[in-house]
Amino acid sequence: MSNATSPGTGLHHTARGTGPRTIFTHCALAHGGVWLPVLRHLQVEAVCLDLPDHGQSPPTPDGVDPQRMTADAIADLAGGPVHLVGHSFGGTATLLAALDLGALVQSVTLIEPVQFSAAAGTPAHRQYTQDFAPFVAAWGQGDAATAARCFVDIWGGPGGWAAMTADQQAAMAQQIRVIPGQNAALNDDVNGILRPGRLEGLAAPVTLIEGAQSPAVISTIHDALADRLARVTRHRIDGAGHMCPLTHAAQVAAVMPAALRA
């Protein structure tokens, strides 16, 4: 395994294994190492990126959008034909990078990309906004611990916060500040992922993976993306929620593109 940083952005990444070069980008409040359970079922040269403000990567500079910064790091690391895999916020940055890289992209796997702007105006989006309101209120009041609990219980599943140790809860509360910083990209689409004609121009095959127990807004986001992508395959993992790469790694790997599987 090797450790390095992206030359353009300074984001940290590790590389391991042999096979098709594949860049993996994790969800918020995690790090590149969370892909290890999935990688056990794949045969790839895995480049696992740490998002800005995560793992060993530096903070997002003032005035820089973290989705844009992450997509630029993915593009820096491509180095030629490449497969892309992303989860949650990492999935949104992966999609942006795929649009930037164009013909270099061999395949794109998106596991529950939280591009909420794609679902705007739908009942599922309104329900999610209602469910997420306690997070917004807690963050607005400066209560990081409550905001972290609200976030984990939505995206980690009910009871996820209570299952953590006190040290894990404290770490989540300290890092939860990154979530509001993603709003402009996820809710307002400042990077133009949904701009007319852009998704339609992505020629690479796209695999969309979701957990059957995830919030309904995820399926609605996938619906919106699938309606516009030229080549798309969808999979739902029974019994899984948003954190399916950790909880159902074998099932997730089994529906990823055949070129990546052991």
Protein backbone atom coordinates (compact mmCIF):
# COMPACT_ATOMS: atom_id res chain seq x y z
CA MET A 1 0.00 0.00 0.00
CA SER A 2 1.23 3.52 -0.79
CA ASN A 3 0.25 6.90 0.68
CA ALA A 4 0.36 10.17 -1.22
CA THR A 5 -1.43 13.45 -1.87
CA SER A 6 -3.14 14.74 -4.98
CA PRO A 7 -0.77 17.27 -6.60
CA GLY A 8 -3.43 19.84 -7.38
CA THR A 9 -5.51 19.79 -4.20
CA GLY A 10 -3.30 18.19 -1.55
CA LEU A 11 -5.95 15.63 -0.65
CA HIS A 12 -4.57 12.42 0.83
CA HIS A 13 -5.08 9.02 -0.79
CA THR A 14 -3.85 5.46 -0.46
CA ALA A 15 -3.31 2.99 -3.31
CA ARG A 16 -3.36 -0.78 -3.04
CA GLY A 17 -3.89 -3.86 -5.19
CA THR A 18 -3.60 -4.59 -8.88
CA GLY A 19 -6.13 -4.48 -11.68
CA PRO A 20 -8.17 -1.72 -13.32
CA ARG A 21 -7.37 1.66 -11.79
CA THR A 22 -10.39 2.62 -9.67
CA ILE A 23 -10.82 5.72 -7.51
CA PHE A 24 -13.01 5.31 -4.41
CA THR A 25 -14.49 8.33 -2.63
CA HIS A 26 -16.17 7.88 0.76
CA CYS A 27 -19.16 9.43 2.54
CA ALA A 28 -19.05 12.40 4.91
CA LEU A 29 -17.68 11.84 8.44
CA ALA A 30 -15.59 8.84 7.31
CA HIS A 31 -12.22 8.26 5.59
CA GLY A 32 -10.77 6.27 2.71
CA GLY A 33 -10.24 3.20 4.86
CA VAL A 34 -13.96 2.48 5.04
CA TRP A 35 -13.72 0.87 1.58
CA LEU A 36 -11.71 -2.10 2.87
CA PRO A 37 -14.74 -4.40 3.34
CA VAL A 38 -15.79 -3.82 -0.29
CA LEU A 39 -12.25 -4.13 -1.64
CA ARG A 40 -11.98 -7.67 -0.28
CA HIS A 41 -14.43 -8.67 -3.02
CA LEU A 42 -12.82 -6.75 -5.88
CA GLN A 43 -9.69 -7.10 -8.01
CA VAL A 44 -8.58 -3.53 -8.71
CA GLU A 45 -5.85 -1.01 -8.21
CA ALA A 46 -7.81 0.86 -5.53
CA VAL A 47 -7.07 4.54 -5.02
CA CYS A 48 -8.97 5.52 -1.86
CA LEU A 49 -9.29 9.27 -1.43
CA ASP A 50 -9.83 11.15 1.84
CA LEU A 51 -12.33 13.98 1.40
CA PRO A 52 -11.22 17.46 2.44
CA ASP A 53 -11.56 17.85 6.24
CA HIS A 54 -11.47 14.04 6.58
CA GLY A 55 -8.82 11.43 7.34
CA GLN A 56 -5.37 12.77 6.53
CA SER A 57 -6.57 15.41 4.05
CA PRO A 58 -6.31 19.14 4.78
CA PRO A 59 -9.29 21.39 5.48
CA THR A 60 -11.28 22.98 2.68
CA PRO A 61 -9.78 26.44 2.05
CA ASP A 62 -12.02 29.45 2.61
CA GLY A 63 -14.11 30.17 -0.46
CA VAL A 64 -13.56 26.72 -2.00
CA ASP A 65 -16.44 24.28 -2.47
CA PRO A 66 -15.61 20.79 -1.05
CA GLN A 67 -17.45 18.97 -3.84
CA ARG A 68 -15.46 20.88 -6.46
CA MET A 69 -12.20 20.32 -4.55
CA THR A 70 -12.87 16.57 -4.32
CA ALA A 71 -13.79 16.26 -8.00
CA ASP A 72 -10.58 18.07 -8.93
CA ALA A 73 -8.58 15.61 -6.81
CA ILE A 74 -10.27 12.67 -8.53
CA ALA A 75 -9.40 14.14 -11.91
CA ASP A 76 -5.79 14.67 -10.77
CA LEU A 77 -5.54 11.01 -9.77
CA ALA A 78 -7.09 9.51 -12.91
CA GLY A 79 -3.90 9.43 -14.96
CA GLY A 80 -5.67 7.81 -17.90
CA PRO A 81 -8.64 5.45 -18.28
CA VAL A 82 -10.25 4.98 -14.88
CA HIS A 83 -13.24 3.54 -13.04
CA LEU A 84 -14.92 5.72 -10.42
CA VAL A 85 -16.79 4.66 -7.27
CA GLY A 86 -18.39 7.05 -4.78
CA HIS A 87 -20.70 6.88 -1.76
CA SER A 88 -23.06 9.58 -0.45
CA PHE A 89 -21.32 13.00 -0.61
CA GLY A 90 -18.39 11.19 -2.21
CA GLY A 91 -20.82 9.93 -4.84
CA THR A 92 -21.81 13.46 -5.78
CA ALA A 93 -18.16 14.48 -6.18
CA THR A 94 -17.54 11.30 -8.18
CA LEU A 95 -20.37 12.18 -10.55
CA LEU A 96 -18.97 15.70 -10.98
CA ALA A 97 -15.52 14.26 -11.71
CA ALA A 98 -16.99 11.84 -14.25
CA LEU A 99 -18.60 14.75 -16.08
CA ASP A 100 -15.25 16.56 -16.10
CA LEU A 101 -13.20 13.55 -17.23
CA GLY A 102 -15.50 12.48 -20.06
CA ALA A 103 -14.07 9.77 -22.30
CA LEU A 104 -11.42 8.71 -19.76
CA VAL A 105 -14.12 7.23 -17.52
CA GLN A 106 -14.66 3.50 -18.02
CA SER A 107 -17.49 3.13 -15.51
CA VAL A 108 -19.14 5.04 -12.66
CA THR A 109 -20.61 3.41 -9.55
CA LEU A 110 -22.68 5.71 -7.35
CA ILE A 111 -23.88 4.43 -3.98
CA GLU A 112 -26.64 6.73 -2.75
CA PRO A 113 -25.25 10.07 -4.02
CA VAL A 114 -26.95 12.74 -1.90
CA GLN A 115 -27.45 15.33 -4.65
CA PHE A 116 -30.63 16.63 -3.02
CA SER A 117 -31.18 19.26 -5.70
CA ALA A 118 -32.08 16.42 -8.10
CA ALA A 119 -35.14 15.62 -5.95
CA ALA A 120 -36.23 19.21 -5.28
CA GLY A 121 -39.99 19.74 -5.30
CA THR A 122 -40.89 16.08 -4.76
CA PRO A 123 -42.79 14.63 -1.78
CA ALA A 124 -39.70 12.63 -0.80
CA HIS A 125 -37.59 15.79 -0.73
CA ARG A 126 -40.18 17.60 1.41
CA GLN A 127 -40.22 14.66 3.82
CA TYR A 128 -36.44 14.63 4.03
CA THR A 129 -36.38 18.37 4.69
CA GLN A 130 -38.83 17.83 7.53
CA ASP A 131 -36.82 14.93 8.95
CA PHE A 132 -33.59 16.95 8.73
CA ALA A 133 -35.06 20.04 10.41
CA PRO A 134 -33.88 19.01 13.92
CA PHE A 135 -30.30 18.95 12.61
CA VAL A 136 -30.70 22.42 11.13
CA ALA A 137 -32.16 23.73 14.39
CA ALA A 138 -29.46 22.17 16.56
CA TRP A 139 -26.66 23.46 14.32
CA GLY A 140 -28.19 26.92 14.32
CA GLN A 141 -28.17 26.89 18.11
CA GLY A 142 -24.53 25.82 18.26
CA ASP A 143 -25.38 22.39 19.64
CA ALA A 144 -22.92 20.21 17.73
CA ALA A 145 -23.61 17.06 19.74
CA THR A 146 -27.35 17.14 19.04
CA ALA A 147 -26.72 17.98 15.39
CA ALA A 148 -24.37 14.99 15.12
CA ARG A 149 -26.93 12.71 16.76
CA CYS A 150 -29.64 13.85 14.35
CA PHE A 151 -27.36 13.30 11.36
CA VAL A 152 -26.20 9.84 12.44
CA ASP A 153 -29.70 8.63 13.26
CA ILE A 154 -30.93 9.58 9.76
CA TRP A 155 -27.98 8.31 7.71
CA GLY A 156 -26.59 5.64 10.02
CA GLY A 157 -30.02 4.23 10.79
CA PRO A 158 -32.22 4.64 13.88
CA GLY A 159 -30.22 3.96 17.02
CA GLY A 160 -26.92 4.52 15.26
CA TRP A 161 -25.90 7.27 17.65
CA ALA A 162 -26.71 5.22 20.76
CA ALA A 163 -24.61 2.34 19.42
CA MET A 164 -21.49 4.52 19.34
CA THR A 165 -18.97 4.83 22.14
CA ALA A 166 -18.60 8.17 23.91
CA ASP A 167 -15.31 8.77 22.08
CA GLN A 168 -16.95 8.09 18.71
CA GLN A 169 -19.80 10.46 19.55
CA ALA A 170 -17.34 13.18 20.56
CA ALA A 171 -15.41 12.74 17.31
CA MET A 172 -18.61 12.99 15.27
CA ALA A 173 -19.68 16.13 17.13
CA GLN A 174 -16.30 17.72 16.44
CA GLN A 175 -16.46 16.94 12.72
CA ILE A 176 -20.15 17.66 12.10
CA ARG A 177 -19.23 21.20 11.01
CA VAL A 178 -18.41 19.82 7.55
CA ILE A 179 -22.06 19.03 6.81
CA PRO A 180 -23.35 22.63 6.50
CA GLY A 181 -20.37 23.35 4.26
CA GLN A 182 -21.79 20.91 1.69
CA ASN A 183 -25.13 22.71 1.35
CA ALA A 184 -24.27 24.84 -1.68
CA ALA A 185 -23.20 21.81 -3.70
CA LEU A 186 -25.91 19.40 -2.60
CA ASN A 187 -28.93 21.69 -2.30
CA ASP A 188 -28.11 24.48 -4.74
CA ASP A 189 -26.01 22.55 -7.30
CA VAL A 190 -23.41 25.32 -7.50
CA ASN A 191 -21.19 23.06 -9.62
CA GLY A 192 -23.82 22.52 -12.31
CA ILE A 193 -24.16 18.74 -12.19
CA LEU A 194 -27.83 19.07 -13.18
CA ARG A 195 -27.29 21.72 -15.82
CA PRO A 196 -29.36 20.93 -18.97
CA GLY A 197 -27.59 18.46 -21.24
CA ARG A 198 -24.73 17.69 -18.88
CA LEU A 199 -25.82 14.32 -17.46
CA GLU A 200 -27.05 13.27 -20.89
CA GLY A 201 -23.51 13.73 -22.23
CA LEU A 202 -21.94 11.17 -19.87
CA ALA A 203 -21.12 8.19 -22.11
CA ALA A 204 -19.74 5.82 -19.44
CA PRO A 205 -22.06 3.20 -17.94
CA VAL A 206 -23.38 4.24 -14.52
CA THR A 207 -24.39 1.83 -11.75
CA LEU A 208 -26.72 3.21 -9.05
CA ILE A 209 -26.83 1.26 -5.78
CA GLU A 210 -29.17 1.94 -2.85
CA GLY A 211 -30.22 0.29 0.37
CA ALA A 212 -33.83 -0.85 0.61
CA GLN A 213 -34.14 0.79 4.04
CA SER A 214 -32.62 4.15 3.10
CA PRO A 215 -34.58 7.42 3.22
CA ALA A 216 -37.06 7.72 0.34
CA VAL A 217 -35.23 10.76 -1.02
CA ILE A 218 -32.44 8.44 -2.21
CA SER A 219 -34.70 6.55 -4.63
CA THR A 220 -36.08 9.85 -5.85
CA ILE A 221 -32.56 11.16 -6.54
CA HIS A 222 -31.78 7.93 -8.40
CA ASP A 223 -34.99 8.31 -10.41
CA ALA A 224 -33.94 11.79 -11.49
CA LEU A 225 -30.44 10.71 -12.46
CA ALA A 226 -31.60 7.57 -14.28
CA ASP A 227 -34.04 9.61 -16.36
CA ARG A 228 -31.15 11.60 -17.81
CA LEU A 229 -28.17 9.24 -17.96
CA ALA A 230 -27.55 7.44 -21.25
CA ARG A 231 -26.42 4.08 -19.78
CA VAL A 232 -27.63 3.26 -16.29
CA THR A 233 -28.23 0.14 -14.18
CA ARG A 234 -29.95 0.22 -10.79
CA HIS A 235 -29.65 -2.13 -7.83
CA ARG A 236 -31.33 -2.23 -4.42
CA ILE A 237 -29.69 -4.09 -1.53
CA ASP A 238 -32.28 -5.88 0.64
CA GLY A 239 -32.02 -5.19 4.35
CA ALA A 240 -29.49 -2.40 3.86
CA GLY A 241 -29.54 1.30 4.63
CA HIS A 242 -27.37 4.22 3.64
CA MET A 243 -24.20 2.68 5.05
CA CYS A 244 -24.46 -0.44 2.88
CA PRO A 245 -20.77 -0.39 1.81
CA LEU A 246 -19.96 -1.20 5.45
CA THR A 247 -22.94 -3.30 6.50
CA HIS A 248 -23.48 -5.21 3.22
CA ALA A 249 -20.08 -5.05 1.55
CA ALA A 250 -20.32 -8.37 -0.28
CA GLN A 251 -23.74 -7.57 -1.71
CA VAL A 252 -22.59 -4.12 -2.83
CA ALA A 253 -19.48 -5.53 -4.50
CA ALA A 254 -21.54 -8.22 -6.25
CA VAL A 255 -23.54 -5.64 -8.22
CA MET A 256 -20.61 -3.41 -9.15
CA PRO A 257 -19.31 -3.53 -12.75
CA ALA A 258 -17.92 -6.94 -13.73
CA ALA A 259 -14.55 -5.41 -14.65
CA LEU A 260 -13.95 -4.64 -10.96
CA ARG A 261 -14.95 -7.91 -9.37
CA ALA A 262 -12.56 -10.62 -8.23
